[in-house]
Protein backbone atom coordinates (compact mmCIF):
# COMPACT_ATOMS: atom_id res chain seq x y z
CA MET A 1 40.37 124.00 -35.35
CA ALA A 2 40.19 126.58 -32.55
CA ASP A 3 40.20 130.29 -33.30
CA PRO A 4 43.90 131.36 -33.15
CA ASN A 5 42.83 134.96 -32.46
CA LEU A 6 42.07 133.83 -28.92
CA GLU A 7 45.58 132.47 -28.31
CA ILE A 8 48.00 134.41 -26.08
CA ARG A 9 51.69 134.45 -26.87
CA PRO A 10 53.72 132.60 -24.25
CA ASP A 11 56.29 134.46 -22.18
CA PHE A 12 59.51 133.02 -23.63
CA ALA A 13 61.55 134.88 -20.96
CA SER A 14 59.85 132.85 -18.21
CA GLU A 15 61.31 129.88 -16.33
CA PRO A 16 59.59 127.05 -18.33
CA TYR A 17 61.47 128.21 -21.48
CA GLU A 18 64.86 128.57 -19.73
CA GLY A 19 66.14 125.20 -21.08
CA ILE A 20 65.48 126.08 -24.70
CA ARG A 21 66.92 129.54 -24.21
CA HIS A 22 70.23 127.99 -22.85
CA VAL A 23 70.49 125.66 -25.84
CA MET A 24 69.79 128.44 -28.34
CA ALA A 25 72.06 130.94 -26.55
CA ASP A 26 74.92 128.43 -26.53
CA THR A 27 74.39 127.59 -30.20
CA THR A 28 73.96 131.13 -31.52
CA GLY A 29 76.01 133.06 -28.99
CA GLU A 30 73.08 135.38 -28.23
CA THR A 31 71.87 136.47 -24.82
CA HIS A 32 68.86 134.90 -23.16
CA GLN A 33 66.92 138.13 -23.79
CA GLN A 34 67.74 138.02 -27.52
CA VAL A 35 66.74 134.34 -27.73
CA ALA A 36 63.41 135.06 -25.98
CA GLN A 37 62.83 137.91 -28.47
CA ARG A 38 63.57 135.62 -31.47
CA LEU A 39 61.23 132.93 -30.07
CA ALA A 40 58.46 135.52 -29.63
CA GLU A 41 58.96 136.79 -33.20
CA ALA A 42 58.88 133.22 -34.57
CA TRP A 43 55.70 132.50 -32.61
CA ASP A 44 54.12 135.74 -33.94
CA VAL A 45 54.93 134.77 -37.57
CA GLU A 46 53.48 131.28 -37.12
CA HIS A 47 50.50 132.71 -35.19
CA ASN A 48 49.74 135.24 -37.95
CA THR A 49 49.94 132.43 -40.55
CA ARG A 50 47.40 130.39 -38.56
CA ILE A 51 45.15 133.48 -38.18
CA ASP A 52 45.27 134.03 -41.96
CA ALA A 53 44.41 130.36 -42.56
CA TRP A 54 41.60 130.59 -40.00
CA ASN A 55 40.17 133.75 -41.58
CA HIS A 56 40.41 132.19 -45.04
CA GLN A 57 38.61 129.05 -43.82
CA GLN A 58 35.94 131.16 -42.09
CA GLU A 59 35.41 133.17 -45.29
CA GLU A 60 35.07 129.98 -47.36
CA GLU A 61 32.59 128.54 -44.86
CA ARG A 62 30.64 131.81 -44.87
CA GLN A 63 30.51 131.79 -48.69
CA VAL A 64 29.41 128.14 -48.74
CA GLU A 65 26.71 128.88 -46.15
CA GLU A 66 25.64 131.97 -48.07
CA ARG A 67 25.43 129.93 -51.30
CA GLU A 68 23.40 127.24 -49.54
CA GLN A 69 21.05 129.86 -48.09
CA GLN A 70 20.66 131.47 -51.53
CA GLU A 71 19.95 128.08 -53.08
CA GLU A 72 17.38 127.40 -50.36
CA ARG A 73 15.77 130.81 -50.97
CA ASN A 74 15.73 130.03 -54.70
CA ARG A 75 14.15 126.62 -54.03
CA GLN A 76 11.55 128.21 -51.78
CA GLU A 77 10.84 130.91 -54.38
CA ASP A 78 10.53 128.26 -57.11
CA GLN A 79 8.22 126.22 -54.88
CA ARG A 80 6.17 129.33 -54.07
CA CYS A 81 5.88 130.10 -57.81
CA LEU A 82 4.82 126.50 -58.50
CA ASP A 83 2.28 126.63 -55.67
CA GLU A 84 0.92 129.93 -56.96
CA ALA A 85 0.73 128.52 -60.49
CA ASP A 86 -1.10 125.44 -59.18
CA ALA A 87 -3.47 127.61 -57.15
CA GLU A 88 -4.10 129.80 -60.19
CA LYS A 89 -4.71 126.72 -62.33
CA GLU A 90 -7.15 125.32 -59.73
CA ARG A 91 -8.89 128.71 -59.53
CA LYS A 92 -9.25 128.79 -63.32
CA GLU A 93 -10.57 125.20 -63.31
CA ALA A 94 -13.08 126.18 -60.63
CA GLU A 95 -14.05 129.23 -62.71
CA LYS A 96 -14.64 126.96 -65.71
CA LYS A 97 -16.88 124.70 -63.63
CA LYS A 98 -18.95 127.58 -62.30
CA PRO A 99 -22.19 128.06 -64.13
CA LYS A 100 -22.06 131.09 -66.36
CA ILE A 101 -24.54 133.81 -65.52
CA ASN A 102 -25.74 135.96 -68.38
CA ASP A 103 -24.94 139.61 -68.17
CA PHE A 104 -27.66 141.67 -66.57
CA ASP A 105 -28.90 144.66 -68.52
CA ALA A 106 -30.67 147.09 -66.18
CA ASP A 107 -32.18 148.99 -69.14
CA LEU A 108 -33.82 145.88 -70.59
CA PRO A 109 -37.49 145.50 -69.58
CA PRO A 110 -38.64 142.19 -68.07
CA PRO A 111 -40.07 139.62 -70.49
CA SER A 112 -43.67 140.19 -71.44
CA VAL A 113 -44.42 136.50 -71.89
CA ILE A 114 -44.41 133.95 -69.12
CA VAL A 115 -43.39 130.53 -70.38
CA PRO A 116 -46.21 128.08 -69.57
CA ARG A 117 -45.35 125.20 -67.25
CA PRO A 118 -47.05 121.83 -66.90
CA SER A 119 -49.19 121.15 -63.85
CA GLN A 120 -47.79 120.01 -60.53
CA TYR A 121 -49.56 116.68 -61.08
CA ALA A 122 -47.57 116.07 -64.30
CA ILE A 123 -44.31 117.08 -62.66
CA GLN A 124 -44.94 114.71 -59.73
CA LYS A 125 -45.69 111.87 -62.16
CA LEU A 126 -42.46 112.56 -64.02
CA THR A 127 -40.50 112.67 -60.76
CA SER A 128 -41.84 109.26 -59.75
CA PHE A 129 -41.25 107.89 -63.29
CA GLU A 130 -44.92 107.18 -63.92
CA PHE A 131 -46.85 107.51 -67.16
CA VAL A 132 -48.06 111.05 -67.93
CA GLU A 133 -50.51 112.02 -70.65
CA MET A 134 -48.94 114.24 -73.32
CA TRP A 135 -51.86 116.65 -72.98
CA TYR A 136 -50.24 118.05 -69.80
CA PHE A 137 -47.31 119.30 -71.91
CA SER A 138 -49.39 120.77 -74.70
CA PRO A 139 -50.07 124.54 -74.81
CA GLU A 140 -53.67 123.85 -73.74
CA GLY A 141 -52.56 121.69 -70.75
CA CYS A 142 -49.94 124.25 -69.62
CA ALA A 143 -52.47 127.09 -69.93
CA GLU A 144 -54.96 125.08 -67.86
CA ALA A 145 -52.27 124.42 -65.24
CA THR A 146 -51.46 128.14 -65.08
CA ARG A 147 -55.17 128.99 -64.58
CA HIS A 148 -55.53 126.50 -61.74
CA HIS A 149 -52.11 126.97 -60.19
CA ARG A 150 -52.29 127.65 -56.49
CA SER A 151 -49.49 128.62 -54.23
CA GLN A 152 -49.11 127.08 -50.80
CA ALA A 153 -50.51 130.27 -49.33
CA ASP A 154 -53.62 129.96 -51.54
CA ASP A 155 -54.07 126.34 -50.49
CA ALA A 156 -53.67 127.17 -46.82
CA PHE A 157 -56.21 129.94 -47.03
CA GLY A 158 -58.62 127.79 -49.03
CA LEU A 159 -58.35 124.87 -46.62
CA ALA A 160 -58.77 127.11 -43.60
CA ALA A 161 -61.83 128.73 -45.11
CA SER A 162 -63.46 125.43 -46.02
CA ASN A 163 -62.84 123.45 -42.82
CA ASP A 164 -60.01 121.32 -44.24
CA ARG A 165 -61.96 120.31 -47.35
CA ILE A 166 -61.41 121.16 -50.98
CA PRO A 167 -64.52 122.97 -52.22
CA PRO A 168 -66.54 121.16 -54.90
CA GLY A 169 -65.56 122.06 -58.44
CA GLU A 170 -62.00 122.95 -57.40
CA GLU A 171 -59.17 120.69 -58.40
CA HIS A 172 -56.19 120.00 -56.23
CA PRO A 173 -52.88 120.63 -58.01
CA SER A 174 -51.72 117.06 -57.43
CA SER A 175 -54.80 115.40 -58.97
CA PRO A 176 -55.28 114.58 -62.67
CA HIS A 177 -57.12 117.08 -64.83
CA GLU A 178 -60.55 116.09 -66.14
CA THR A 179 -59.55 116.59 -69.81
CA ALA A 180 -56.64 114.16 -69.41
CA VAL A 181 -58.87 111.65 -67.58
CA VAL A 182 -61.47 111.79 -70.39
CA ALA A 183 -58.73 111.42 -73.02
CA ARG A 184 -57.33 108.40 -71.19
CA GLN A 185 -60.76 106.74 -70.91
CA THR A 186 -61.50 107.39 -74.58
CA ARG A 187 -58.22 105.86 -75.62
CA LYS A 188 -58.80 102.73 -73.49
CA ARG A 189 -62.26 101.99 -74.99
CA PRO A 190 -62.17 99.64 -77.96
CA GLY A 191 -63.92 100.74 -81.00
C-alpha cells in the first residue's frame, strides 16, 4: 500500500469530471460547483480514512519491529551472559589446573638445611632406566655427591687448567663412585 499522505486531491471542477458532475447535478438538482464541492468532501473523508489506516498499520509495523529488535537485544544479551559464564568457567578451570604456589613470607629466614641430592651419575642411570646401587640414595651417598658436586663452570675451569684431562684422584660427576663400585664387587663375589 502506498502512503496516502502523498496523494493530491483531484480537481473535481476540471473537465475530466464534467460527465459525473452533469449526472449528479441532474439527479440532485445542485449546481456543478456544489457537486464538485461534494465530490471533494467525499474524497477528503475517504482520504482521511485511508491515512488513519496507513498510520495505524505503520504504528503496528513499528511496534512489531521494535519487539523484534528488543527480542534480538535480549537474545544477544543472553548469549553474551552465557559466553561470559563459559569464559569464567574456563578461567576457573584453568586456575584449578595451575600449580599452586605457596605463599611467600618475606620475614621468614631461608632454610638452614640443604636437602641432600643423589649424584649426577645416579640421576643419569635412573633417567636411562638402568640399575643404580641404593648407596647413592643413602645419606652417606648424597653427602658424598654434595662434596664432589661440580658445576659446569667448575668443570670448564678444571678442564682448561689441566689440558682437557681430569686430574688424577678427581672423579667426574657422571662416573660411578668408588664406594658403590666396591659394594657391587663385594656383592658379586660368592662366599
